[in-house]
C-alpha atoms as a PDB file:
ATOM      1  CA  MET A   1      69.927 -23.359 267.064  1.00  0.00           C
ATOM      2  CA  MET A   2      73.724 -23.419 267.238  1.00  0.00           C
ATOM      3  CA  LYS A   3      75.476 -25.815 264.635  1.00  0.00           C
ATOM      4  CA  ASN A   4      78.924 -25.771 266.454  1.00  0.00           C
ATOM      5  CA  LYS A   5      80.006 -25.891 269.862  1.00  0.00           C
ATOM      6  CA  PHE A   6      80.867 -22.297 270.977  1.00  0.00           C
ATOM      7  CA  TRP A   7      83.409 -23.056 274.113  1.00  0.00           C
ATOM      8  CA  ILE A   8      85.789 -25.807 272.802  1.00  0.00           C
ATOM      9  CA  GLU A   9      87.260 -25.443 276.575  1.00  0.00           C
ATOM     10  CA  LYS A  10      85.813 -24.573 279.751  1.00  0.00           C
ATOM     11  CA  LYS A  11      87.752 -25.031 283.425  1.00  0.00           C
ATOM     12  CA  ASP A  12      85.331 -25.640 286.361  1.00  0.00           C
ATOM     13  CA  LEU A  13      86.544 -23.306 289.101  1.00  0.00           C
ATOM     14  CA  ASN A  14      85.116 -25.516 291.690  1.00  0.00           C
ATOM     15  CA  GLN A  15      87.717 -28.129 290.362  1.00  0.00           C
ATOM     16  CA  LEU A  16      90.761 -25.727 290.372  1.00  0.00           C
ATOM     17  CA  TYR A  17      90.018 -24.882 293.972  1.00  0.00           C
ATOM     18  CA  LYS A  18      89.341 -28.558 295.042  1.00  0.00           C
ATOM     19  CA  GLU A  19      92.925 -29.466 293.744  1.00  0.00           C
ATOM     20  CA  LEU A  20      94.548 -26.508 295.321  1.00  0.00           C
ATOM     21  CA  THR A  21      92.797 -27.483 298.837  1.00  0.00           C
ATOM     22  CA  THR A  22      93.725 -31.379 298.020  1.00  0.00           C
ATOM     23  CA  ARG A  23      97.375 -30.238 297.888  1.00  0.00           C
ATOM     24  CA  ASN A  24      97.041 -27.874 300.636  1.00  0.00           C
ATOM     25  CA  PRO A  25      94.065 -27.970 303.323  1.00  0.00           C
ATOM     26  CA  GLN A  26      95.213 -24.458 304.225  1.00  0.00           C
ATOM     27  CA  ALA A  27      95.096 -22.924 300.733  1.00  0.00           C
ATOM     28  CA  SER A  28      92.794 -20.053 299.254  1.00  0.00           C
ATOM     29  CA  PHE A  29      92.062 -19.366 295.932  1.00  0.00           C
ATOM     30  CA  TRP A  30      94.934 -16.932 295.845  1.00  0.00           C
ATOM     31  CA  ASP A  31      97.295 -19.759 295.901  1.00  0.00           C
ATOM     32  CA  ILE A  32      96.585 -20.516 292.192  1.00  0.00           C
ATOM     33  CA  PHE A  33      99.639 -18.812 291.366  1.00  0.00           C
ATOM     34  CA  ASN A  34     102.720 -19.434 293.332  1.00  0.00           C
ATOM     35  CA  ASP A  35     104.518 -16.205 292.371  1.00  0.00           C
ATOM     36  CA  TYR A  36     102.867 -13.089 291.530  1.00  0.00           C
ATOM     37  CA  GLU A  37     105.912 -11.041 290.589  1.00  0.00           C
ATOM     38  CA  PRO A  38     106.740  -9.717 287.165  1.00  0.00           C
ATOM     39  CA  ARG A  39     108.910 -11.693 285.105  1.00  0.00           C
ATOM     40  CA  TYR A  40     111.517 -10.079 282.834  1.00  0.00           C
ATOM     41  CA  GLU A  41     113.074 -11.168 280.104  1.00  0.00           C
ATOM     42  CA  GLU A  42     116.518 -10.106 279.204  1.00  0.00           C
ATOM     43  CA  LEU A  43     116.133  -7.020 276.907  1.00  0.00           C
ATOM     44  CA  ALA A  44     118.005  -5.105 274.402  1.00  0.00           C
ATOM     45  CA  ASP A  45     120.463  -2.408 275.645  1.00  0.00           C
ATOM     46  CA  ILE A  46     118.801   0.757 274.735  1.00  0.00           C
ATOM     47  CA  SER A  47     120.808   3.028 277.018  1.00  0.00           C
ATOM     48  CA  ASN A  48     122.260   6.192 275.129  1.00  0.00           C
ATOM     49  CA  GLU A  49     125.974   5.063 275.911  1.00  0.00           C
ATOM     50  CA  TRP A  50     125.287   1.935 273.710  1.00  0.00           C
ATOM     51  CA  LEU A  51     123.176   3.182 271.295  1.00  0.00           C
ATOM     52  CA  GLU A  52     126.106   5.823 270.521  1.00  0.00           C
ATOM     53  CA  LYS A  53     128.374   3.154 270.200  1.00  0.00           C
ATOM     54  CA  GLN A  54     126.264   1.108 268.189  1.00  0.00           C
ATOM     55  CA  ASP A  55     126.159   3.975 265.486  1.00  0.00           C
ATOM     56  CA  LYS A  56     129.665   4.378 265.572  1.00  0.00           C
ATOM     57  CA  LEU A  57     130.573   0.373 265.052  1.00  0.00           C
ATOM     58  CA  ILE A  58     127.843   0.594 262.350  1.00  0.00           C
ATOM     59  CA  ASP A  59     129.724   3.538 260.443  1.00  0.00           C
ATOM     60  CA  LYS A  60     132.868   1.529 260.900  1.00  0.00           C
ATOM     61  CA  ILE A  61     131.715  -1.277 259.376  1.00  0.00           C
ATOM     62  CA  ILE A  62     129.718   0.602 256.661  1.00  0.00           C
ATOM     63  CA  ASN A  63     133.373   2.614 255.666  1.00  0.00           C
ATOM     64  CA  ALA A  64     135.573  -0.511 256.082  1.00  0.00           C
ATOM     65  CA  HIS A  65     133.853  -2.876 253.668  1.00  0.00           C
ATOM     66  CA  PHE A  66     130.392  -1.257 251.939  1.00  0.00           C
ATOM     67  CA  VAL A  67     131.670   2.082 250.768  1.00  0.00           C
ATOM     68  CA  GLY A  68     130.692   2.397 246.741  1.00  0.00           C
ATOM     69  CA  VAL A  69     129.339  -1.025 247.022  1.00  0.00           C
ATOM     70  CA  SER A  70     126.165  -2.005 245.459  1.00  0.00           C
ATOM     71  CA  LEU A  71     124.442  -4.337 247.271  1.00  0.00           C
ATOM     72  CA  SER A  72     121.034  -6.304 246.591  1.00  0.00           C
ATOM     73  CA  GLN A  73     118.522  -7.063 249.079  1.00  0.00           C
ATOM     74  CA  ASN A  74     119.723 -10.915 248.872  1.00  0.00           C
ATOM     75  CA  ASP A  75     122.854  -9.477 249.497  1.00  0.00           C
ATOM     76  CA  ILE A  76     121.971  -7.677 252.550  1.00  0.00           C
ATOM     77  CA  ASP A  77     119.791 -10.979 253.807  1.00  0.00           C
ATOM     78  CA  ASP A  78     123.330 -13.291 253.282  1.00  0.00           C
ATOM     79  CA  ILE A  79     125.573 -10.432 255.256  1.00  0.00           C
ATOM     80  CA  ILE A  80     123.053 -10.726 258.018  1.00  0.00           C
ATOM     81  CA  GLU A  81     122.487 -14.186 257.995  1.00  0.00           C
ATOM     82  CA  ALA A  82     126.170 -15.247 257.887  1.00  0.00           C
ATOM     83  CA  SER A  83     126.770 -12.976 260.842  1.00  0.00           C
ATOM     84  CA  GLU A  84     124.152 -14.416 262.829  1.00  0.00           C
ATOM     85  CA  GLU A  85     126.075 -18.003 261.982  1.00  0.00           C
ATOM     86  CA  PHE A  86     128.970 -16.617 263.462  1.00  0.00           C
ATOM     87  CA  LEU A  87     127.455 -15.150 266.758  1.00  0.00           C
ATOM     88  CA  PHE A  88     124.733 -17.767 267.193  1.00  0.00           C
ATOM     89  CA  TYR A  89     125.543 -21.233 265.500  1.00  0.00           C
ATOM     90  CA  GLU A  90     129.706 -21.426 266.227  1.00  0.00           C
ATOM     91  CA  ASP A  91     129.284 -25.231 266.670  1.00  0.00           C
ATOM     92  CA  GLU A  92     127.121 -25.802 263.474  1.00  0.00           C
ATOM     93  CA  MET A  93     127.854 -23.165 261.162  1.00  0.00           C
ATOM     94  CA  ASN A  94     126.315 -23.142 257.636  1.00  0.00           C
ATOM     95  CA  PHE A  95     126.927 -20.945 254.736  1.00  0.00           C
ATOM     96  CA  GLU A  96     125.327 -22.676 251.982  1.00  0.00           C
ATOM     97  CA  GLY A  97     124.688 -20.343 249.096  1.00  0.00           C
ATOM     98  CA  ILE A  98     126.338 -17.213 250.774  1.00  0.00           C
ATOM     99  CA  ARG A  99     129.202 -15.703 248.715  1.00  0.00           C
ATOM    100  CA  PRO A 100     132.617 -16.028 250.458  1.00  0.00           C
ATOM    101  CA  GLU A 101     133.471 -12.232 250.574  1.00  0.00           C
ATOM    102  CA  TRP A 102     129.900 -11.936 252.864  1.00  0.00           C
ATOM    103  CA  ILE A 103     131.119 -14.652 254.940  1.00  0.00           C
ATOM    104  CA  GLU A 104     134.595 -13.112 255.453  1.00  0.00           C
ATOM    105  CA  ILE A 105     132.994  -9.856 256.249  1.00  0.00           C
ATOM    106  CA  ALA A 106     130.312 -11.449 258.394  1.00  0.00           C
ATOM    107  CA  GLY A 107     133.117 -12.839 260.665  1.00  0.00           C
ATOM    108  CA  LYS A 108     134.787  -9.564 261.253  1.00  0.00           C
ATOM    109  CA  ILE A 109     131.388  -8.002 261.941  1.00  0.00           C
ATOM    110  CA  GLY A 110     130.899 -10.828 264.638  1.00  0.00           C
ATOM    111  CA  LEU A 111     134.026 -10.410 266.472  1.00  0.00           C
ATOM    112  CA  GLN A 112     132.896  -6.543 266.803  1.00  0.00           C
ATOM    113  CA  ILE A 113     129.907  -7.228 268.707  1.00  0.00           C
ATOM    114  CA  LYS A 114     130.432 -10.668 270.336  1.00  0.00           C
ATOM    115  CA  GLY A 115     129.598 -10.859 273.891  1.00  0.00           C
ATOM    116  CA  LEU A 116     126.336  -8.794 273.759  1.00  0.00           C
ATOM    117  CA  ASN A 117     123.209 -10.559 275.140  1.00  0.00           C
ATOM    118  CA  ASP A 118     121.170 -11.966 271.960  1.00  0.00           C
ATOM    119  CA  LEU A 119     118.205  -9.403 271.886  1.00  0.00           C
ATOM    120  CA  THR A 120     120.807  -6.558 271.435  1.00  0.00           C
ATOM    121  CA  THR A 121     122.668  -8.550 268.912  1.00  0.00           C
ATOM    122  CA  TYR A 122     119.453  -8.864 266.945  1.00  0.00           C
ATOM    123  CA  SER A 123     118.774  -5.264 267.241  1.00  0.00           C
ATOM    124  CA  PHE A 124     122.481  -4.385 265.969  1.00  0.00           C
ATOM    125  CA  LEU A 125     122.120  -6.472 263.133  1.00  0.00           C
ATOM    126  CA  ASP A 126     118.741  -5.131 262.399  1.00  0.00           C
ATOM    127  CA  LYS A 127     119.759  -1.689 262.439  1.00  0.00           C
ATOM    128  CA  LEU A 128     122.884  -2.675 260.166  1.00  0.00           C
ATOM    129  CA  ALA A 129     120.566  -4.081 257.751  1.00  0.00           C
ATOM    130  CA  GLU A 130     118.549  -0.666 257.644  1.00  0.00           C
ATOM    131  CA  ARG A 131     121.666   1.167 256.994  1.00  0.00           C
ATOM    132  CA  LEU A 132     123.059  -0.876 254.186  1.00  0.00           C
ATOM    133  CA  GLU A 133     119.534  -0.607 252.757  1.00  0.00           C
ATOM    134  CA  ASN A 134     120.036   3.237 252.614  1.00  0.00           C
ATOM    135  CA  ASN A 135     122.947   4.635 253.949  1.00  0.00           C
ATOM    136  CA  SER A 136     121.249   8.083 253.820  1.00  0.00           C
ATOM    137  CA  ASN A 137     118.315   7.491 255.516  1.00  0.00           C
ATOM    138  CA  ARG A 138     119.315   7.205 259.326  1.00  0.00           C
ATOM    139  CA  GLU A 139     116.049   6.450 261.313  1.00  0.00           C
ATOM    140  CA  ASP A 140     116.042   6.732 265.105  1.00  0.00           C
ATOM    141  CA  TYR A 141     116.822   3.612 266.740  1.00  0.00           C
ATOM    142  CA  GLU A 142     115.446   4.469 269.881  1.00  0.00           C
ATOM    143  CA  GLU A 143     112.027   5.658 268.768  1.00  0.00           C
ATOM    144  CA  LYS A 144     111.821   2.397 266.681  1.00  0.00           C
ATOM    145  CA  SER A 145     112.953   0.004 269.266  1.00  0.00           C
ATOM    146  CA  THR A 146     112.586   1.003 272.792  1.00  0.00           C
ATOM    147  CA  ILE A 147     110.357  -1.335 275.030  1.00  0.00           C
ATOM    148  CA  LEU A 148     109.002   0.783 277.941  1.00  0.00           C
ATOM    149  CA  ASP A 149     109.024  -1.898 280.432  1.00  0.00           C
ATOM    150  CA  ASP A 150     107.776  -5.111 279.082  1.00  0.00           C
ATOM    151  CA  PHE A 151     107.257  -8.032 281.072  1.00  0.00           C
ATOM    152  CA  ASP A 152     105.526 -11.565 281.691  1.00  0.00           C
ATOM    153  CA  TYR A 153     103.097 -12.712 284.431  1.00  0.00           C
ATOM    154  CA  PRO A 154     101.459 -15.677 285.868  1.00  0.00           C
ATOM    155  CA  THR A 155      98.604 -16.523 283.669  1.00  0.00           C
ATOM    156  CA  LEU A 156      95.937 -19.475 283.525  1.00  0.00           C
ATOM    157  CA  GLU A 157      93.980 -19.984 280.469  1.00  0.00           C
ATOM    158  CA  LEU A 158      90.198 -20.941 281.698  1.00  0.00           C
ATOM    159  CA  ALA A 159      88.211 -21.012 278.542  1.00  0.00           C
ATOM    160  CA  TYR A 160      88.784 -20.865 274.819  1.00  0.00           C
ATOM    161  CA  SER A 161      85.909 -20.577 272.105  1.00  0.00           C
ATOM    162  CA  ASN A 162      85.763 -21.867 268.670  1.00  0.00           C
ATOM    163  CA  THR A 163      87.150 -20.010 265.690  1.00  0.00           C
ATOM    164  CA  PHE A 164      85.045 -17.907 263.084  1.00  0.00           C
ATOM    165  CA  TYR A 165      85.913 -18.535 259.802  1.00  0.00           C
ATOM    166  CA  ASP A 166      82.789 -20.120 258.104  1.00  0.00           C
ATOM    167  CA  GLU A 167      80.153 -22.652 258.510  1.00  0.00           C
ATOM    168  CA  ASN A 168      82.335 -25.353 259.510  1.00  0.00           C
ATOM    169  CA  ASP A 169      82.960 -23.808 262.758  1.00  0.00           C
ATOM    170  CA  CYS A 170      81.232 -20.658 264.414  1.00  0.00           C
ATOM    171  CA  GLY A 171      81.491 -18.388 261.397  1.00  0.00           C
ATOM    172  CA  TYR A 172      78.115 -18.124 260.751  1.00  0.00           C
ATOM    173  CA  MET A 173      77.154 -16.183 264.093  1.00  0.00           C
ATOM    174  CA  ASP A 174      76.886 -12.152 263.930  1.00  0.00           C
ATOM    175  CA  TYR A 175      79.309 -10.210 266.302  1.00  0.00           C
ATOM    176  CA  LYS A 176      76.708  -9.396 268.343  1.00  0.00           C
ATOM    177  CA  GLU A 177      75.720 -12.633 269.210  1.00  0.00           C
ATOM    178  CA  ILE A 178      79.350 -13.784 269.871  1.00  0.00           C
ATOM    179  CA  GLU A 179      79.873 -10.770 272.144  1.00  0.00           C
ATOM    180  CA  GLN A 180      77.041 -11.823 274.220  1.00  0.00           C
ATOM    181  CA  LYS A 181      78.376 -15.449 274.669  1.00  0.00           C
ATOM    182  CA  VAL A 182      81.746 -14.215 275.692  1.00  0.00           C
ATOM    183  CA  SER A 183      80.233 -11.647 278.272  1.00  0.00           C
ATOM    184  CA  LYS A 184      78.136 -14.332 279.780  1.00  0.00           C
ATOM    185  CA  LYS A 185      80.757 -16.701 280.220  1.00  0.00           C
ATOM    186  CA  PHE A 186      83.317 -13.806 281.456  1.00  0.00           C
ATOM    187  CA  THR A 187      80.195 -12.933 284.081  1.00  0.00           C
ATOM    188  CA  GLN A 188      79.914 -16.164 285.308  1.00  0.00           C
ATOM    189  CA  TYR A 189      83.700 -16.599 286.087  1.00  0.00           C
ATOM    190  CA  LYS A 190      83.696 -13.523 287.725  1.00  0.00           C
ATOM    191  CA  LYS A 191      80.815 -14.258 289.968  1.00  0.00           C
ATOM    192  CA  LYS A 192      82.319 -17.394 290.975  1.00  0.00           C
ATOM    193  CA  ILE A 193      86.046 -15.995 291.497  1.00  0.00           C
ATOM    194  CA  SER A 194      84.307 -13.429 293.771  1.00  0.00           C
ATOM    195  CA  GLU A 195      82.765 -16.426 295.885  1.00  0.00           C
ATOM    196  CA  LEU A 196      86.216 -18.221 296.326  1.00  0.00           C
ATOM    197  CA  LEU A 197      87.852 -15.230 296.942  1.00  0.00           C
ATOM    198  CA  ASN A 198      84.776 -13.830 299.245  1.00  0.00           C
ATOM    199  CA  GLN A 199      85.349 -10.136 297.836  1.00  0.00           C
ATOM    200  CA  GLU A 200      84.194  -8.272 295.031  1.00  0.00           C
ATOM    201  CA  PRO A 201      86.382  -7.214 292.277  1.00  0.00           C
ATOM    202  CA  SER A 202      88.160  -3.567 293.238  1.00  0.00           C
ATOM    203  CA  ARG A 203      86.596  -0.683 291.495  1.00  0.00           C
ATOM    204  CA  GLU A 204      89.444   1.665 292.150  1.00  0.00           C
ATOM    205  CA  LEU A 205      91.916  -0.813 290.242  1.00  0.00           C
ATOM    206  CA  GLN A 206      89.517  -0.652 286.935  1.00  0.00           C
ATOM    207  CA  PRO A 207      91.300   1.432 284.028  1.00  0.00           C
ATOM    208  CA  LEU A 208      89.872   4.729 282.979  1.00  0.00           C
ATOM    209  CA  GLN A 209      87.496   4.906 279.585  1.00  0.00           C
ATOM    210  CA  PRO A 210      87.946   7.329 276.756  1.00  0.00           C
ATOM    211  CA  LYS A 211      85.094   9.531 276.409  1.00  0.00           C
ATOM    212  CA  GLU A 212      84.938   8.142 273.226  1.00  0.00           C
ATOM    213  CA  TYR A 213      86.752   5.523 271.301  1.00  0.00           C
ATOM    214  CA  SER A 214      87.882   7.426 268.422  1.00  0.00           C
ATOM    215  CA  ASP A 215      90.798   6.961 265.811  1.00  0.00           C
ATOM    216  CA  GLU A 216      93.182   8.956 268.139  1.00  0.00           C
ATOM    217  CA  PHE A 217      92.193   6.861 271.250  1.00  0.00           C
ATOM    218  CA  TRP A 218      92.870   3.538 269.284  1.00  0.00           C
ATOM    219  CA  ASN A 219      96.076   4.592 267.681  1.00  0.00           C
ATOM    220  CA  LEU A 220      97.614   5.664 271.028  1.00  0.00           C
ATOM    221  CA  SER A 221      96.482   2.416 272.418  1.00  0.00           C
ATOM    222  CA  ILE A 222      98.075   0.260 269.906  1.00  0.00           C
ATOM    223  CA  ASP A 223     101.217   2.451 270.469  1.00  0.00           C
ATOM    224  CA  PHE A 224     101.182   2.064 274.403  1.00  0.00           C
ATOM    225  CA  THR A 225     100.595  -1.924 273.960  1.00  0.00           C
ATOM    226  CA  GLU A 226     103.566  -2.287 271.737  1.00  0.00           C
ATOM    227  CA  LYS A 227     105.469  -0.945 274.334  1.00  0.00           C
ATOM    228  CA  ASN A 228     103.851  -2.761 277.080  1.00  0.00           C
ATOM    229  CA  SER A 229     101.951  -5.871 276.286  1.00  0.00           C
ATOM    230  CA  PHE A 230     100.378  -5.990 279.804  1.00  0.00           C
ATOM    231  CA  SER A 231      97.978  -3.067 279.004  1.00  0.00           C
ATOM    232  CA  HIS A 232      96.179  -5.050 276.422  1.00  0.00           C
ATOM    233  CA  ILE A 233      94.148  -6.452 279.346  1.00  0.00           C
ATOM    234  CA  PHE A 234      92.669  -2.917 279.835  1.00  0.00           C
ATOM    235  CA  ASN A 235      91.204  -2.778 276.645  1.00  0.00           C
ATOM    236  CA  VAL A 236      88.535  -5.898 277.289  1.00  0.00           C
ATOM    237  CA  ASN A 237      86.697  -7.341 279.869  1.00  0.00           C
ATOM    238  CA  LEU A 238      88.108  -6.895 282.876  1.00  0.00           C
ATOM    239  CA  ALA A 239      87.692  -7.541 286.906  1.00  0.00           C
ATOM    240  CA  VAL A 240      90.369  -7.009 289.281  1.00  0.00           C
ATOM    241  CA  TRP A 241      90.600  -8.310 292.871  1.00  0.00           C
ATOM    242  CA  LYS A 242      93.069  -7.260 295.459  1.00  0.00           C
ATOM    243  CA  LYS A 243      94.735  -8.679 298.265  1.00  0.00           C
ATOM    244  CA  LYS A 244      97.389  -6.897 300.381  1.00  0.00           C
ATOM    245  CA  ASN A 245     100.385  -7.112 298.266  1.00  0.00           C
ATOM    246  CA  ASN A 246      99.083  -8.883 294.905  1.00  0.00           C
ATOM    247  CA  VAL A 247      96.134  -8.758 292.489  1.00  0.00           C
ATOM    248  CA  LEU A 248      93.976 -11.400 290.422  1.00  0.00           C
ATOM    249  CA  PHE A 249      92.565 -10.395 287.215  1.00  0.00           C
ATOM    250  CA  LEU A 250      90.297 -11.835 284.788  1.00  0.00           C
ATOM    251  CA  TYR A 251      90.435 -10.841 281.383  1.00  0.00           C
ATOM    252  CA  THR A 252      89.130 -11.635 277.883  1.00  0.00           C
ATOM    253  CA  TYR A 253      91.497 -11.526 274.856  1.00  0.00           C
ATOM    254  CA  HIS A 254      90.900 -11.951 271.308  1.00  0.00           C
ATOM    255  CA  GLU A 255      93.756 -11.605 268.548  1.00  0.00           C
ATOM    256  CA  ASP A 256      91.644 -11.408 265.332  1.00  0.00           C
ATOM    257  CA  LYS A 257      88.253 -11.327 264.347  1.00  0.00           C
ATOM    258  CA  GLU A 258      88.491 -15.144 262.959  1.00  0.00           C
ATOM    259  CA  LEU A 259      90.529 -16.565 265.827  1.00  0.00           C
ATOM    260  CA  PRO A 260      89.107 -17.700 269.254  1.00  0.00           C
ATOM    261  CA  TYR A 261      87.983 -15.775 272.038  1.00  0.00           C
ATOM    262  CA  LEU A 262      89.950 -16.537 275.438  1.00  0.00           C
ATOM    263  CA  ILE A 263      89.053 -15.973 279.085  1.00  0.00           C
ATOM    264  CA  ASN A 264      92.151 -15.991 281.487  1.00  0.00           C
ATOM    265  CA  ILE A 265      93.124 -15.483 284.806  1.00  0.00           C
ATOM    266  CA  GLY A 266      96.282 -13.590 285.541  1.00  0.00           C
ATOM    267  CA  GLY A 267      98.321 -12.506 288.887  1.00  0.00           C
ATOM    268  CA  LEU A 268     100.647  -9.629 289.623  1.00  0.00           C
ATOM    269  CA  THR A 269     101.931  -7.384 292.293  1.00  0.00           C
ATOM    270  CA  LEU A 270      99.871  -4.723 293.388  1.00  0.00           C
ATOM    271  CA  GLU A 271     102.740  -2.324 293.180  1.00  0.00           C
ATOM    272  CA  LYS A 272     103.414  -3.677 289.608  1.00  0.00           C
ATOM    273  CA  TYR A 273      99.847  -3.538 288.413  1.00  0.00           C
ATOM    274  CA  LYS A 274      99.138   0.017 289.861  1.00  0.00           C
ATOM    275  CA  GLU A 275     102.232   1.404 287.983  1.00  0.00           C
ATOM    276  CA  THR A 276     101.063   0.310 284.672  1.00  0.00           C
ATOM    277  CA  LEU A 277      97.243   1.202 285.378  1.00  0.00           C
ATOM    278  CA  SER A 278      98.754   4.559 286.312  1.00  0.00           C
ATOM    279  CA  GLN A 279     100.658   5.136 282.889  1.00  0.00           C
ATOM    280  CA  TYR A 280      97.841   3.976 281.294  1.00  0.00           C
ATOM    281  CA  ASN A 281      95.476   6.298 283.101  1.00  0.00           C
ATOM    282  CA  HIS A 282      97.583   9.018 282.373  1.00  0.00           C
ATOM    283  CA  LEU A 283      97.347   8.527 278.635  1.00  0.00           C
ATOM    284  CA  ILE A 284      93.613   8.888 278.780  1.00  0.00           C
ATOM    285  CA  GLN A 285      93.505  11.480 281.018  1.00  0.00           C
ATOM    286  CA  ASN A 286      95.591  13.425 278.384  1.00  0.00           C
ATOM    287  CA  LEU A 287      93.756  12.312 275.586  1.00  0.00           C
ATOM    288  CA  ASP A 288      90.333  13.633 277.332  1.00  0.00           C
ATOM    289  CA  VAL A 289      91.845  17.103 277.906  1.00  0.00           C
ATOM    290  CA  ASN A 290      92.737  17.475 274.468  1.00  0.00           C
END
């Protein structure tokens, strides 16, 4: 007998659909999301033109202020913090505990890169910190920071489970039992969504699976997901329904072994989904060939 409740929250899809049709009697379950377009945040500039300019600016800063200067990690942290104050907090700058010479240099750094978008600014300061830590070790910035095509998408959390730390939650359960409960709830939602849409999930929009889940696969998959976070849905329970221009997809998410399992429904344009799926399938095909 279970000691604790497994599912902390479970949304009723019938109730969700009823709310949709109450607002609009002509609504279908596709109207659970108003907009299926991918949403992009402002990304860091990773163009070759900017990266070359960035390296030249960092060289200029180091040559002007840090040649022959021995910096502790605290010094570097203070320089970067003071630069952030000039760049992000002009109206309420706080330099408490930072040496005056670092504040002066930070002001000059701020003047040279003022006007960049926020992520480009943070990337610049990260690279400057790396160079200050070790001027002789110039890592490839583009390999370290490139984001292929990251985007957000509309999503709704349908269910989330208890946690799995110890006897006080659901930590006493073994892995197989946990997976069975997650799979059962996922299947229930999948069946109900198919009923509400009056169609079965699309087989052609399922991701390819590797011949074996080797260390090489997981390493490539993790690397790919870091560059395109949407692809994390391809490594879990997944069902995808296709409309003319959009898809709905049901998926599970589990960040770490002690943390809750989530079951979410998301939406995206068909074109964007297929583009990302194609990139992922290409990775699997190359892995299986090799």
